[in-house]
Amino acid sequence: MFHVLRLVTILALLSLPLRPALAEPAAPWTAQGIKIADFGIYCPVETAGTEAAPDTSLGYIHNLSGTPVIVFHQQQVPARLGVHFGVIVQSLRDIPEVRNVTWLPGAKTPEVWMSSLSGSRPLARGFLFEADRELVTGLWRMEAYDGDTLLYSIEWEVLPPEALPGIGSDCEFMS
């Protein structure tokens, strides 16, 4: 009897559909009054300097001098140095203190930095792979909060570089 039950269990397991190791990234989500104008991978943008962000892996963030142009409108990102990815967010009102949270796969704590959102113009929030230790494959999640209120959430599937060969560090490999 034991062997029959074991055989039935094995056959039942074999009939289950195969699932990928990584789940697909969830669709972007926004709270009322927040709009994600665009998201994806963008080419380098001139920066207006850096700002201290002690709760990030590098200890600082880049302040962009303008709004980047999204070149690849997708949530899949190659784990390649120099690649920029993120969201362009528009708020219906000024939010002077926004807590930005980025979760990397397997991290016990997120990277956190503070900014604001403008009710008059869209602003970019993103990530740039600058150090080898940041090249973590798997599902990443970027969120922003006004106090305890979630403003938006977007997931990214960071893949090995060979999975997305047409996306290079300076967009020179774009096809």
Protein backbone atom coordinates (compact mmCIF):
# COMPACT_ATOMS: atom_id res chain seq x y z
CA MET A 1 0.00 0.00 0.00
CA PHE A 2 2.84 2.40 0.88
CA HIS A 3 4.41 1.95 -2.58
CA VAL A 4 1.09 2.68 -4.32
CA LEU A 5 0.63 5.93 -2.36
CA ARG A 6 4.21 6.91 -3.06
CA LEU A 7 3.73 6.23 -6.80
CA VAL A 8 0.47 8.25 -6.87
CA THR A 9 2.23 11.17 -5.11
CA ILE A 10 5.14 11.10 -7.57
CA LEU A 11 2.78 10.99 -10.57
CA ALA A 12 0.75 13.89 -9.15
CA LEU A 13 3.92 15.97 -8.69
CA LEU A 14 5.08 15.19 -12.23
CA SER A 15 1.76 16.40 -13.64
CA LEU A 16 2.14 19.89 -12.10
CA PRO A 17 3.05 22.60 -14.59
CA LEU A 18 6.65 23.75 -14.51
CA ARG A 19 7.10 27.24 -13.09
CA PRO A 20 10.01 29.57 -13.68
CA ALA A 21 12.48 30.08 -10.86
CA LEU A 22 11.60 33.79 -10.79
CA ALA A 23 8.10 35.15 -10.69
CA GLU A 24 7.24 37.83 -13.23
CA PRO A 25 7.41 41.37 -11.86
CA ALA A 26 4.05 42.73 -10.74
CA ALA A 27 2.48 45.55 -12.73
CA PRO A 28 3.33 49.02 -11.36
CA TRP A 29 0.90 50.28 -8.70
CA THR A 30 0.08 53.85 -7.68
CA ALA A 31 -2.04 55.49 -5.00
CA GLN A 32 -4.72 57.99 -5.90
CA GLY A 33 -3.12 61.28 -6.95
CA ILE A 34 0.10 59.62 -8.14
CA LYS A 35 0.86 58.71 -11.73
CA ILE A 36 3.78 56.74 -13.13
CA ALA A 37 4.34 58.65 -16.36
CA ASP A 38 6.91 56.14 -17.64
CA PHE A 39 9.24 53.40 -16.44
CA GLY A 40 12.07 51.28 -17.77
CA ILE A 41 15.72 51.57 -18.73
CA TYR A 42 17.21 54.91 -19.63
CA CYS A 43 20.56 56.06 -20.98
CA PRO A 44 22.90 58.11 -18.78
CA VAL A 45 21.66 61.55 -17.76
CA GLU A 46 23.84 64.42 -16.64
CA THR A 47 23.82 64.74 -12.87
CA ALA A 48 23.67 67.85 -10.74
CA GLY A 49 25.87 66.24 -8.10
CA THR A 50 25.29 63.77 -5.32
CA GLU A 51 23.47 63.87 -2.02
CA ALA A 52 24.25 61.91 1.14
CA ALA A 53 22.04 58.86 1.60
CA PRO A 54 23.58 56.87 4.45
CA ASP A 55 20.97 54.08 4.27
CA THR A 56 22.03 53.09 0.74
CA SER A 57 24.83 50.70 -0.22
CA LEU A 58 27.03 53.47 -1.64
CA GLY A 59 26.04 56.13 0.92
CA TYR A 60 24.85 58.66 -1.67
CA ILE A 61 22.36 59.22 -4.48
CA HIS A 62 22.73 61.09 -7.76
CA ASN A 63 20.62 64.19 -8.38
CA LEU A 64 19.65 64.22 -12.04
CA SER A 65 19.81 67.54 -13.87
CA GLY A 66 16.81 66.64 -16.03
CA THR A 67 14.18 64.03 -16.67
CA PRO A 68 15.61 60.97 -18.41
CA VAL A 69 14.12 59.57 -21.58
CA ILE A 70 13.08 55.96 -21.15
CA VAL A 71 14.56 53.97 -24.03
CA PHE A 72 13.39 50.46 -23.09
CA HIS A 73 9.86 50.45 -21.64
CA GLN A 74 10.14 47.22 -19.67
CA GLN A 75 10.58 45.79 -16.20
CA GLN A 76 13.41 43.41 -17.15
CA VAL A 77 16.89 44.83 -16.50
CA PRO A 78 20.34 43.37 -17.21
CA ALA A 79 22.70 43.14 -14.23
CA ARG A 80 25.36 45.18 -16.02
CA LEU A 81 27.48 48.05 -14.68
CA GLY A 82 26.32 51.43 -15.95
CA VAL A 83 22.70 50.43 -16.60
CA HIS A 84 20.11 52.95 -15.33
CA PHE A 85 16.49 52.00 -14.63
CA GLY A 86 13.60 53.60 -12.85
CA VAL A 87 10.29 55.43 -12.93
CA ILE A 88 9.13 58.91 -13.83
CA VAL A 89 6.51 59.90 -11.27
CA GLN A 90 3.97 62.74 -11.24
CA SER A 91 2.02 63.79 -8.17
CA LEU A 92 -1.11 65.94 -8.11
CA ARG A 93 0.30 67.76 -5.07
CA ASP A 94 3.66 68.67 -3.59
CA ILE A 95 4.90 66.06 -1.12
CA PRO A 96 7.88 67.58 0.69
CA GLU A 97 9.17 64.43 2.40
CA VAL A 98 9.06 61.14 0.50
CA ARG A 99 10.77 58.01 1.79
CA ASN A 100 12.14 56.02 -1.17
CA VAL A 101 12.67 52.32 -0.50
CA THR A 102 14.47 49.81 -2.74
CA TRP A 103 14.40 46.11 -1.83
CA LEU A 104 17.07 43.89 -3.38
CA PRO A 105 16.55 40.12 -3.55
CA GLY A 106 17.52 38.44 -0.29
CA ALA A 107 18.17 41.71 1.56
CA LYS A 108 17.17 41.87 5.22
CA THR A 109 16.80 45.65 5.05
CA PRO A 110 16.04 47.95 2.13
CA GLU A 111 18.04 50.84 0.77
CA VAL A 112 16.30 54.04 1.91
CA TRP A 113 16.70 57.68 0.94
CA MET A 114 14.60 60.80 1.25
CA SER A 115 13.37 63.13 -1.48
CA SER A 116 10.24 65.04 -2.44
CA LEU A 117 7.61 64.92 -5.18
CA SER A 118 6.41 67.93 -7.09
CA GLY A 119 2.84 68.66 -8.04
CA SER A 120 4.07 70.73 -10.99
CA ARG A 121 6.48 68.44 -12.84
CA PRO A 122 7.36 64.75 -13.17
CA LEU A 123 10.44 63.52 -11.34
CA ALA A 124 12.65 60.49 -11.97
CA ARG A 125 13.42 57.92 -9.31
CA GLY A 126 15.83 55.21 -10.31
CA PHE A 127 18.87 53.09 -9.81
CA LEU A 128 22.27 52.96 -11.49
CA PHE A 129 24.45 49.86 -11.28
CA GLU A 130 27.75 51.42 -10.13
CA ALA A 131 29.43 48.61 -8.17
CA ASP A 132 29.75 44.87 -8.71
CA ARG A 133 28.07 44.19 -5.35
CA GLU A 134 24.87 45.81 -6.70
CA LEU A 135 24.53 43.32 -9.58
CA VAL A 136 22.03 41.13 -7.74
CA THR A 137 19.70 39.13 -9.98
CA GLY A 138 16.10 38.46 -9.01
CA LEU A 139 13.07 40.59 -8.22
CA TRP A 140 13.79 44.11 -7.02
CA ARG A 141 11.07 46.44 -5.71
CA MET A 142 11.07 50.24 -5.60
CA GLU A 143 8.49 51.96 -3.41
CA ALA A 144 7.84 55.46 -2.15
CA TYR A 145 5.98 56.54 0.98
CA ASP A 146 4.42 59.72 2.35
CA GLY A 147 4.63 58.84 6.04
CA ASP A 148 3.05 55.37 6.19
CA THR A 149 1.07 55.83 2.96
CA LEU A 150 2.39 53.88 -0.03
CA LEU A 151 2.55 56.21 -3.05
CA TYR A 152 3.78 53.76 -5.68
CA SER A 153 5.41 50.38 -6.08
CA ILE A 154 7.20 48.87 -9.06
CA GLU A 155 9.07 45.60 -9.39
CA TRP A 156 12.03 44.85 -11.65
CA GLU A 157 13.33 41.51 -12.78
CA VAL A 158 17.11 41.88 -12.82
CA LEU A 159 18.54 39.22 -15.12
CA PRO A 160 22.05 38.01 -15.96
CA PRO A 161 23.54 40.33 -18.64
CA GLU A 162 23.50 37.64 -21.34
CA ALA A 163 19.69 37.44 -21.05
CA LEU A 164 19.39 41.02 -22.39
CA PRO A 165 22.40 41.49 -24.69
CA GLY A 166 21.03 44.54 -26.54
CA ILE A 167 21.21 46.86 -23.51
CA GLY A 168 24.64 48.28 -22.70
CA SER A 169 26.09 50.61 -20.11
CA ASP A 170 26.00 53.68 -22.38
CA CYS A 171 23.18 52.42 -24.58
CA GLU A 172 25.85 51.81 -27.24
CA PHE A 173 24.64 48.22 -27.67
CA MET A 174 21.04 49.16 -28.39
CA SER A 175 19.59 47.28 -31.32
